[in-house]
């Protein structure tokens, strides 16, 4: 069976995001500067993702309930499951996340390895990789850029107030999970 790739341009307060699916599940969210694949099927199943993103950006949704397919390695999936545990409006550090995700030998992962897994998140925003910050509270790496990360964190810290997209980031304004 051949999986059809579908895509849908989604206009958000942070620019045009491309939602990509496999005909049944959301598989990727691409930021405005990322190349979107050519669609080969009906993107109708992505309407649920667009609706939930509308609710999120309107301040009414703090968790997503979508059919998603994450793929990736076993390590990546463990990191992404850890990201899904970070509550809306909270942040964690790479080191804290590393301690919560011991490897098969029950040793904690190195924060750099966690950073690699976080950076490989295929469905940002839904899988909240933007909620991971540096140990000193600084904003660190984000595929969509640090400005977008700041905007998402400000938005969540404000409880979903769209005006927060325009305010400046201040270390410590969010709680650590």
N, C-alpha and C. Protein backbone atom coordinates (compact mmCIF):
# COMPACT_ATOMS: atom_id res chain seq x y z
N UNK A 1 0.84 -1.18 0.00
CA UNK A 1 0.00 0.00 0.00
C UNK A 1 0.89 1.25 0.00
N UNK A 2 0.63 2.17 -0.91
CA UNK A 2 1.37 3.41 -0.99
C UNK A 2 0.67 4.48 -0.17
N UNK A 3 1.43 5.12 0.69
CA UNK A 3 0.87 6.19 1.50
C UNK A 3 0.90 7.47 0.69
N UNK A 4 -0.23 8.15 0.65
CA UNK A 4 -0.29 9.42 -0.05
C UNK A 4 0.09 10.54 0.91
N UNK A 5 0.96 11.41 0.46
CA UNK A 5 1.34 12.56 1.26
C UNK A 5 0.37 13.68 0.94
N UNK A 6 -0.16 14.28 1.98
CA UNK A 6 -1.06 15.41 1.80
C UNK A 6 -0.49 16.61 2.53
N UNK A 7 -0.84 17.79 2.06
CA UNK A 7 -0.40 18.98 2.77
C UNK A 7 -1.47 20.06 2.67
N UNK A 8 -1.41 20.95 3.65
CA UNK A 8 -2.39 22.02 3.75
C UNK A 8 -1.68 23.24 4.29
N UNK A 9 -1.82 24.37 3.60
CA UNK A 9 -1.25 25.62 4.10
C UNK A 9 -2.18 26.14 5.20
N UNK A 10 -1.60 26.44 6.34
CA UNK A 10 -2.38 26.92 7.48
C UNK A 10 -1.86 28.31 7.87
N UNK A 11 -2.72 29.30 7.80
CA UNK A 11 -2.34 30.67 8.16
C UNK A 11 -2.47 30.82 9.68
N UNK A 12 -1.33 31.09 10.33
CA UNK A 12 -1.32 31.23 11.78
C UNK A 12 -0.79 32.61 12.16
N UNK A 13 -0.92 32.99 13.41
CA UNK A 13 -0.35 34.27 13.85
C UNK A 13 1.17 34.34 13.74
N UNK A 14 1.83 33.21 13.53
CA UNK A 14 3.28 33.18 13.41
C UNK A 14 3.72 32.91 11.96
N UNK A 15 2.81 33.03 11.02
CA UNK A 15 3.13 32.82 9.62
C UNK A 15 2.44 31.59 9.06
N UNK A 16 2.66 31.33 7.80
CA UNK A 16 2.04 30.18 7.15
C UNK A 16 2.78 28.91 7.53
N UNK A 17 2.06 28.01 8.17
CA UNK A 17 2.58 26.70 8.53
C UNK A 17 2.05 25.71 7.50
N UNK A 18 2.83 24.73 7.15
CA UNK A 18 2.35 23.68 6.26
C UNK A 18 2.12 22.43 7.08
N UNK A 19 0.89 21.96 7.09
CA UNK A 19 0.52 20.72 7.77
C UNK A 19 0.69 19.60 6.76
N UNK A 20 1.38 18.56 7.14
CA UNK A 20 1.63 17.43 6.24
C UNK A 20 1.06 16.18 6.88
N UNK A 21 0.42 15.38 6.09
CA UNK A 21 -0.17 14.15 6.59
C UNK A 21 0.05 13.00 5.65
N UNK A 22 -0.38 11.83 6.11
CA UNK A 22 -0.22 10.61 5.30
C UNK A 22 -1.56 10.07 4.82
N UNK A 23 -2.57 10.90 4.85
CA UNK A 23 -3.91 10.48 4.45
C UNK A 23 -4.78 10.15 5.64
N UNK A 24 -4.16 9.89 6.79
CA UNK A 24 -4.91 9.56 8.01
C UNK A 24 -4.45 10.38 9.21
N UNK A 25 -3.14 10.64 9.28
CA UNK A 25 -2.58 11.28 10.46
C UNK A 25 -1.70 12.47 10.08
N UNK A 26 -1.56 13.40 11.02
CA UNK A 26 -0.63 14.50 10.87
C UNK A 26 0.78 13.94 11.08
N UNK A 27 1.69 14.22 10.17
CA UNK A 27 3.04 13.68 10.28
C UNK A 27 4.11 14.77 10.44
N UNK A 28 3.80 15.99 10.01
CA UNK A 28 4.78 17.08 10.12
C UNK A 28 4.06 18.41 10.15
N UNK A 29 4.70 19.38 10.78
CA UNK A 29 4.33 20.78 10.64
C UNK A 29 5.60 21.49 10.21
N UNK A 30 5.51 22.19 9.10
CA UNK A 30 6.67 22.91 8.56
C UNK A 30 6.49 24.41 8.80
N UNK A 31 7.57 25.06 9.19
CA UNK A 31 7.56 26.50 9.39
C UNK A 31 7.63 27.21 8.05
N UNK A 32 7.35 28.53 8.03
CA UNK A 32 7.30 29.25 6.75
C UNK A 32 8.54 29.13 5.89
N UNK A 33 9.72 28.98 6.47
CA UNK A 33 10.94 28.92 5.67
C UNK A 33 11.32 27.50 5.23
N UNK A 34 10.49 26.53 5.56
CA UNK A 34 10.79 25.15 5.18
C UNK A 34 10.02 24.78 3.91
N UNK A 35 10.66 24.01 3.06
CA UNK A 35 10.06 23.60 1.80
C UNK A 35 8.97 22.56 2.05
N UNK A 36 7.79 22.84 1.55
CA UNK A 36 6.67 21.91 1.68
C UNK A 36 6.70 20.89 0.54
N UNK A 37 6.36 19.65 0.84
CA UNK A 37 6.30 18.64 -0.22
C UNK A 37 5.10 18.88 -1.14
N UNK A 38 5.21 18.38 -2.34
CA UNK A 38 4.08 18.45 -3.25
C UNK A 38 3.02 17.46 -2.79
N UNK A 39 1.80 17.91 -2.59
CA UNK A 39 0.75 16.99 -2.13
C UNK A 39 0.36 15.99 -3.21
N UNK A 40 -0.04 14.81 -2.77
CA UNK A 40 -0.47 13.79 -3.72
C UNK A 40 -1.86 13.27 -3.40
N UNK A 41 -2.50 13.80 -2.38
CA UNK A 41 -3.81 13.28 -2.01
C UNK A 41 -4.69 14.38 -1.43
N UNK A 42 -5.86 13.99 -1.01
CA UNK A 42 -6.85 14.90 -0.43
C UNK A 42 -6.45 15.27 0.99
N UNK A 43 -6.27 16.57 1.28
CA UNK A 43 -5.84 16.98 2.62
C UNK A 43 -6.99 17.10 3.63
N UNK A 44 -8.15 16.58 3.30
CA UNK A 44 -9.32 16.72 4.16
C UNK A 44 -9.09 16.29 5.60
N UNK A 45 -8.30 15.25 5.82
CA UNK A 45 -8.05 14.76 7.18
C UNK A 45 -7.26 15.76 8.01
N UNK A 46 -6.61 16.73 7.36
CA UNK A 46 -5.83 17.72 8.08
C UNK A 46 -6.69 18.85 8.64
N UNK A 47 -7.98 18.85 8.30
CA UNK A 47 -8.89 19.88 8.81
C UNK A 47 -8.98 19.84 10.33
N UNK A 48 -8.91 18.66 10.92
CA UNK A 48 -8.95 18.54 12.38
C UNK A 48 -7.73 19.21 13.00
N UNK A 49 -6.57 19.02 12.41
CA UNK A 49 -5.36 19.66 12.91
C UNK A 49 -5.47 21.17 12.78
N UNK A 50 -5.98 21.65 11.65
CA UNK A 50 -6.14 23.09 11.46
C UNK A 50 -7.11 23.67 12.48
N UNK A 51 -8.20 22.96 12.74
CA UNK A 51 -9.18 23.43 13.72
C UNK A 51 -8.57 23.49 15.13
N UNK A 52 -7.83 22.47 15.49
CA UNK A 52 -7.21 22.48 16.82
C UNK A 52 -6.14 23.56 16.92
N UNK A 53 -5.40 23.81 15.86
CA UNK A 53 -4.45 24.92 15.86
C UNK A 53 -5.18 26.26 15.98
N UNK A 54 -6.33 26.40 15.30
CA UNK A 54 -7.15 27.61 15.47
C UNK A 54 -7.52 27.81 16.93
N UNK A 55 -7.96 26.74 17.58
CA UNK A 55 -8.35 26.81 18.99
C UNK A 55 -7.15 27.17 19.87
N UNK A 56 -5.99 26.58 19.58
CA UNK A 56 -4.77 26.88 20.34
C UNK A 56 -4.42 28.36 20.20
N UNK A 57 -4.36 28.87 18.97
CA UNK A 57 -3.97 30.25 18.74
C UNK A 57 -5.03 31.24 19.20
N UNK A 58 -6.25 30.79 19.41
CA UNK A 58 -7.31 31.64 19.98
C UNK A 58 -7.27 31.63 21.51
N UNK A 59 -6.39 30.81 22.07
CA UNK A 59 -6.25 30.75 23.52
C UNK A 59 -7.18 29.76 24.20
N UNK A 60 -7.89 28.95 23.42
CA UNK A 60 -8.86 28.04 24.00
C UNK A 60 -8.42 26.59 24.11
N UNK A 61 -7.26 26.25 23.60
CA UNK A 61 -6.79 24.86 23.65
C UNK A 61 -5.39 24.84 24.23
N UNK A 62 -5.21 23.98 25.25
CA UNK A 62 -3.90 23.85 25.88
C UNK A 62 -3.26 22.49 25.61
N UNK A 63 -4.03 21.56 25.07
CA UNK A 63 -3.52 20.24 24.69
C UNK A 63 -4.13 19.86 23.35
N UNK A 64 -3.39 19.12 22.57
CA UNK A 64 -3.88 18.66 21.28
C UNK A 64 -4.32 17.20 21.39
N UNK A 65 -5.36 16.88 20.67
CA UNK A 65 -5.90 15.52 20.62
C UNK A 65 -6.07 15.16 19.15
N UNK A 66 -4.95 14.85 18.52
CA UNK A 66 -4.93 14.61 17.09
C UNK A 66 -4.37 13.24 16.76
N UNK A 67 -4.82 12.66 15.67
CA UNK A 67 -4.13 11.47 15.19
C UNK A 67 -2.80 11.91 14.56
N UNK A 68 -1.69 11.51 15.18
CA UNK A 68 -0.37 11.88 14.67
C UNK A 68 0.47 10.63 14.45
N UNK A 69 1.44 10.77 13.57
CA UNK A 69 2.43 9.71 13.34
C UNK A 69 3.79 10.38 13.44
N UNK A 70 4.55 9.99 14.47
CA UNK A 70 5.82 10.64 14.72
C UNK A 70 7.01 10.01 14.03
N UNK A 71 6.98 8.73 13.76
CA UNK A 71 8.13 8.08 13.13
C UNK A 71 9.36 8.22 14.01
N UNK A 72 10.51 8.39 13.40
CA UNK A 72 11.76 8.57 14.13
C UNK A 72 12.29 7.31 14.77
N UNK A 73 13.43 7.45 15.42
CA UNK A 73 14.05 6.32 16.12
C UNK A 73 13.37 6.10 17.47
N UNK A 74 13.68 5.01 18.11
CA UNK A 74 13.14 4.76 19.44
C UNK A 74 13.55 5.87 20.40
N UNK A 75 14.80 6.32 20.31
CA UNK A 75 15.26 7.41 21.15
C UNK A 75 14.45 8.68 20.90
N UNK A 76 14.26 9.03 19.62
CA UNK A 76 13.48 10.22 19.29
C UNK A 76 12.07 10.12 19.85
N UNK A 77 11.45 8.98 19.68
CA UNK A 77 10.07 8.82 20.18
C UNK A 77 10.02 8.99 21.70
N UNK A 78 11.03 8.51 22.41
CA UNK A 78 11.07 8.68 23.87
C UNK A 78 11.18 10.16 24.23
N UNK A 79 12.03 10.88 23.51
CA UNK A 79 12.17 12.33 23.75
C UNK A 79 10.84 13.03 23.47
N UNK A 80 10.21 12.69 22.35
CA UNK A 80 8.96 13.35 21.98
C UNK A 80 7.84 13.03 22.96
N UNK A 81 7.82 11.81 23.48
CA UNK A 81 6.83 11.48 24.52
C UNK A 81 7.10 12.32 25.77
N UNK A 82 8.39 12.54 26.08
CA UNK A 82 8.73 13.41 27.20
C UNK A 82 8.26 14.84 26.97
N UNK A 83 8.39 15.32 25.75
CA UNK A 83 7.93 16.67 25.43
C UNK A 83 6.42 16.80 25.62
N UNK A 84 5.70 15.76 25.27
CA UNK A 84 4.24 15.80 25.42
C UNK A 84 3.79 15.88 26.88
N UNK A 85 4.71 15.62 27.80
CA UNK A 85 4.38 15.69 29.24
C UNK A 85 4.60 17.08 29.82
N UNK A 86 5.19 17.99 29.06
CA UNK A 86 5.44 19.35 29.56
C UNK A 86 4.12 20.13 29.47
N UNK A 87 3.60 20.59 30.59
CA UNK A 87 2.30 21.28 30.56
C UNK A 87 2.35 22.61 29.82
N UNK A 88 1.23 22.98 29.29
CA UNK A 88 1.03 24.29 28.66
C UNK A 88 1.43 25.38 29.66
N UNK A 89 2.18 26.36 29.20
CA UNK A 89 2.57 27.47 30.06
C UNK A 89 3.76 27.17 30.94
N UNK A 90 4.34 25.99 30.81
CA UNK A 90 5.50 25.62 31.61
C UNK A 90 6.67 25.36 30.67
N UNK A 91 7.86 25.33 31.23
CA UNK A 91 9.05 24.97 30.47
C UNK A 91 9.84 23.96 31.27
N UNK A 92 10.78 23.35 30.60
CA UNK A 92 11.74 22.49 31.27
C UNK A 92 13.09 22.72 30.60
N UNK A 93 14.12 22.20 31.18
CA UNK A 93 15.45 22.33 30.58
C UNK A 93 15.84 21.01 29.93
N UNK A 94 16.84 21.07 29.08
CA UNK A 94 17.34 19.86 28.43
C UNK A 94 17.85 18.88 29.49
N UNK A 95 18.54 19.41 30.50
CA UNK A 95 19.07 18.55 31.56
C UNK A 95 17.98 17.88 32.37
N UNK A 96 16.94 18.62 32.70
CA UNK A 96 15.83 18.04 33.46
C UNK A 96 15.13 16.97 32.63
N UNK A 97 14.92 17.24 31.37
CA UNK A 97 14.30 16.26 30.49
C UNK A 97 15.18 15.02 30.38
N UNK A 98 16.49 15.22 30.30
CA UNK A 98 17.43 14.09 30.22
C UNK A 98 17.31 13.19 31.44
N UNK A 99 17.16 13.78 32.60
CA UNK A 99 17.05 12.99 33.84
C UNK A 99 15.74 12.22 33.91
N UNK A 100 14.71 12.72 33.26
CA UNK A 100 13.40 12.05 33.28
C UNK A 100 13.31 10.91 32.27
N UNK A 101 14.29 10.83 31.36
CA UNK A 101 14.26 9.84 30.29
C UNK A 101 15.51 8.97 30.32
N UNK A 102 15.65 8.11 31.32
CA UNK A 102 16.86 7.28 31.37
C UNK A 102 16.93 6.34 30.17
N UNK A 103 18.15 6.03 29.78
CA UNK A 103 18.32 5.09 28.67
C UNK A 103 18.05 3.66 29.16
N UNK A 104 18.20 2.70 28.30
CA UNK A 104 17.86 1.32 28.64
C UNK A 104 18.68 0.78 29.80
N UNK A 105 19.86 1.36 30.06
CA UNK A 105 20.68 0.96 31.19
C UNK A 105 20.34 1.76 32.44
N UNK A 106 19.25 2.51 32.40
CA UNK A 106 18.78 3.35 33.50
C UNK A 106 19.75 4.47 33.84
N UNK A 107 20.61 4.82 32.92
CA UNK A 107 21.47 5.99 33.07
C UNK A 107 20.78 7.16 32.38
N UNK A 108 20.88 8.36 32.93
CA UNK A 108 20.26 9.49 32.24
C UNK A 108 20.97 9.81 30.93
N UNK A 109 20.22 10.29 29.98
CA UNK A 109 20.80 10.73 28.73
C UNK A 109 21.55 12.03 28.96
N UNK A 110 22.48 12.33 28.09
CA UNK A 110 23.19 13.61 28.13
C UNK A 110 22.26 14.68 27.58
N UNK A 111 22.28 15.88 28.16
CA UNK A 111 21.43 16.96 27.64
C UNK A 111 21.63 17.24 26.16
N UNK A 112 22.85 17.08 25.64
CA UNK A 112 23.08 17.31 24.20
C UNK A 112 22.32 16.30 23.36
N UNK A 113 22.27 15.07 23.82
CA UNK A 113 21.50 14.06 23.08
C UNK A 113 20.02 14.44 23.08
N UNK A 114 19.55 14.90 24.23
CA UNK A 114 18.15 15.34 24.32
C UNK A 114 17.92 16.50 23.36
N UNK A 115 18.87 17.43 23.31
CA UNK A 115 18.75 18.56 22.39
C UNK A 115 18.62 18.11 20.95
N UNK A 116 19.36 17.09 20.58
CA UNK A 116 19.26 16.54 19.24
C UNK A 116 17.87 15.98 18.98
N UNK A 117 17.34 15.25 19.95
CA UNK A 117 15.99 14.69 19.81
C UNK A 117 14.93 15.77 19.75
N UNK A 118 15.07 16.78 20.61
CA UNK A 118 14.12 17.89 20.61
C UNK A 118 14.15 18.60 19.26
N UNK A 119 15.35 18.83 18.73
CA UNK A 119 15.50 19.51 17.45
C UNK A 119 14.94 18.74 16.28
N UNK A 120 14.78 17.44 16.43
CA UNK A 120 14.26 16.61 15.34
C UNK A 120 12.75 16.45 15.39
N UNK A 121 12.09 17.15 16.30
CA UNK A 121 10.63 17.03 16.44
C UNK A 121 9.94 17.35 15.12
N UNK A 122 9.18 16.39 14.56
CA UNK A 122 8.56 16.62 13.26
C UNK A 122 7.26 17.42 13.32
N UNK A 123 6.64 17.48 14.50
CA UNK A 123 5.34 18.14 14.63
C UNK A 123 5.43 19.20 15.73
N UNK A 124 6.22 20.28 15.47
CA UNK A 124 6.34 21.31 16.50
C UNK A 124 4.99 21.95 16.81
N UNK A 125 4.90 22.58 17.91
CA UNK A 125 3.71 23.20 18.49
C UNK A 125 2.84 22.11 19.08
N UNK A 126 2.40 21.15 18.28
CA UNK A 126 1.60 20.02 18.79
C UNK A 126 2.44 19.20 19.76
N UNK A 127 3.65 18.87 19.36
CA UNK A 127 4.64 18.27 20.26
C UNK A 127 5.50 19.45 20.71
N UNK A 128 5.30 19.93 21.94
CA UNK A 128 5.79 21.25 22.34
C UNK A 128 7.29 21.36 22.60
N UNK A 129 8.06 21.22 21.55
CA UNK A 129 9.52 21.33 21.67
C UNK A 129 9.94 22.75 22.04
N UNK A 130 9.07 23.73 21.81
CA UNK A 130 9.38 25.11 22.16
C UNK A 130 9.43 25.32 23.68
N UNK A 131 8.95 24.38 24.46
CA UNK A 131 8.92 24.51 25.92
C UNK A 131 10.21 24.08 26.59
N UNK A 132 11.23 23.75 25.81
CA UNK A 132 12.52 23.35 26.38
C UNK A 132 13.49 24.52 26.22
N UNK A 133 14.07 24.92 27.36
CA UNK A 133 14.96 26.08 27.38
C UNK A 133 16.30 25.70 28.00
N UNK A 134 17.25 26.62 27.93
CA UNK A 134 18.56 26.38 28.52
C UNK A 134 18.50 26.36 30.04
N UNK A 135 19.50 25.76 30.66
CA UNK A 135 19.55 25.64 32.12
C UNK A 135 19.52 26.99 32.82
N UNK A 136 20.01 28.03 32.15
CA UNK A 136 20.03 29.37 32.73
C UNK A 136 18.77 30.17 32.39
N UNK A 137 17.79 29.52 31.78
CA UNK A 137 16.55 30.20 31.41
C UNK A 137 16.59 30.86 30.05
N UNK A 138 17.70 30.72 29.35
CA UNK A 138 17.83 31.35 28.04
C UNK A 138 17.11 30.52 26.98
N UNK A 139 16.75 31.21 25.92
CA UNK A 139 16.16 30.52 24.77
C UNK A 139 17.29 29.92 23.96
N UNK A 140 17.15 28.67 23.61
CA UNK A 140 18.15 27.98 22.82
C UNK A 140 17.47 27.32 21.64
N UNK A 141 18.21 27.07 20.59
CA UNK A 141 17.78 26.45 19.36
C UNK A 141 16.32 26.14 19.17
N UNK A 142 15.81 26.50 18.01
CA UNK A 142 14.45 26.17 17.61
C UNK A 142 14.40 26.24 16.10
N UNK A 143 13.90 25.20 15.48
CA UNK A 143 13.87 25.12 14.01
C UNK A 143 13.15 26.32 13.40
N UNK A 144 12.13 26.82 14.07
CA UNK A 144 11.40 27.99 13.57
C UNK A 144 12.07 29.31 13.89
N UNK A 145 13.20 29.27 14.62
CA UNK A 145 13.91 30.48 15.00
C UNK A 145 13.57 30.87 16.43
N UNK A 146 14.52 31.53 17.07
CA UNK A 146 14.32 31.91 18.47
C UNK A 146 13.20 32.93 18.65
N UNK A 147 12.98 33.78 17.65
CA UNK A 147 11.89 34.75 17.76
C UNK A 147 10.54 34.03 17.83
N UNK A 148 10.37 33.00 17.02
CA UNK A 148 9.12 32.24 17.05
C UNK A 148 8.99 31.49 18.37
N UNK A 149 10.08 30.93 18.87
CA UNK A 149 10.05 30.24 20.15
C UNK A 149 9.62 31.22 21.24
N UNK A 150 10.20 32.41 21.25
CA UNK A 150 9.85 33.44 22.22
C UNK A 150 8.36 33.77 22.13
N UNK A 151 7.85 33.93 20.92
CA UNK A 151 6.44 34.26 20.74
C UNK A 151 5.54 33.17 21.30
N UNK A 152 5.86 31.92 21.01
CA UNK A 152 5.04 30.81 21.52
C UNK A 152 5.08 30.74 23.04
N UNK A 153 6.25 30.93 23.62
CA UNK A 153 6.36 30.90 25.09
C UNK A 153 5.63 32.07 25.73
N UNK A 154 5.75 33.26 25.15
CA UNK A 154 5.02 34.41 25.67
C UNK A 154 3.51 34.18 25.60
N UNK A 155 3.08 33.65 24.47
CA UNK A 155 1.66 33.37 24.26
C UNK A 155 1.13 32.41 25.33
N UNK A 156 1.85 31.33 25.57
CA UNK A 156 1.40 30.36 26.56
C UNK A 156 1.50 30.93 27.98
N UNK A 157 2.56 31.70 28.26
CA UNK A 157 2.72 32.29 29.60
C UNK A 157 1.59 33.26 29.91
N UNK A 158 1.03 33.88 28.88
CA UNK A 158 -0.05 34.84 29.08
C UNK A 158 -1.41 34.15 29.19
N UNK A 159 -1.43 32.83 29.06
CA UNK A 159 -2.70 32.10 29.10
C UNK A 159 -3.45 32.15 27.78
N UNK A 160 -2.75 32.47 26.70
CA UNK A 160 -3.37 32.45 25.38
C UNK A 160 -3.78 33.82 24.88
N UNK A 161 -3.17 34.88 25.39
CA UNK A 161 -3.46 36.24 24.94
C UNK A 161 -2.62 36.53 23.70
N UNK A 162 -3.28 36.75 22.57
CA UNK A 162 -2.58 36.96 21.31
C UNK A 162 -1.65 38.17 21.36
N UNK A 163 -1.92 39.15 22.20
CA UNK A 163 -1.05 40.32 22.33
C UNK A 163 0.35 39.91 22.80
N UNK A 164 0.45 38.77 23.45
CA UNK A 164 1.74 38.30 23.95
C UNK A 164 2.70 37.96 22.83
N UNK A 165 2.20 37.76 21.62
CA UNK A 165 3.10 37.48 20.50
C UNK A 165 4.04 38.65 20.24
N UNK A 166 3.65 39.84 20.72
CA UNK A 166 4.45 41.04 20.46
C UNK A 166 5.31 41.47 21.63
N UNK A 167 5.25 40.77 22.76
CA UNK A 167 6.03 41.19 23.92
C UNK A 167 7.39 40.51 23.96
N UNK A 168 8.29 41.04 24.76
CA UNK A 168 9.65 40.52 24.85
C UNK A 168 9.77 39.39 25.84
N UNK A 169 10.71 38.51 25.58
CA UNK A 169 10.97 37.37 26.47
C UNK A 169 11.79 37.81 27.67
N UNK A 170 11.37 37.34 28.83
CA UNK A 170 12.17 37.58 30.04
C UNK A 170 12.35 36.24 30.72
N UNK A 171 13.59 35.88 30.95
CA UNK A 171 13.91 34.63 31.61
C UNK A 171 13.14 34.51 32.91
N UNK A 172 12.58 33.36 33.16
CA UNK A 172 11.90 33.10 34.41
C UNK A 172 10.42 33.44 34.40
N UNK A 173 9.87 33.89 33.28
CA UNK A 173 8.46 34.25 33.30
C UNK A 173 7.55 33.02 33.23
N UNK A 174 8.10 31.87 32.93
CA UNK A 174 7.32 30.64 32.91
C UNK A 174 7.77 29.75 34.05
N UNK A 175 6.88 28.88 34.46
CA UNK A 175 7.27 27.91 35.50
C UNK A 175 8.03 26.76 34.87
N UNK A 176 8.92 26.16 35.62
CA UNK A 176 9.63 24.98 35.14
C UNK A 176 8.83 23.74 35.51
N UNK A 177 8.67 22.84 34.55
CA UNK A 177 7.93 21.60 34.80
C UNK A 177 8.83 20.60 35.50
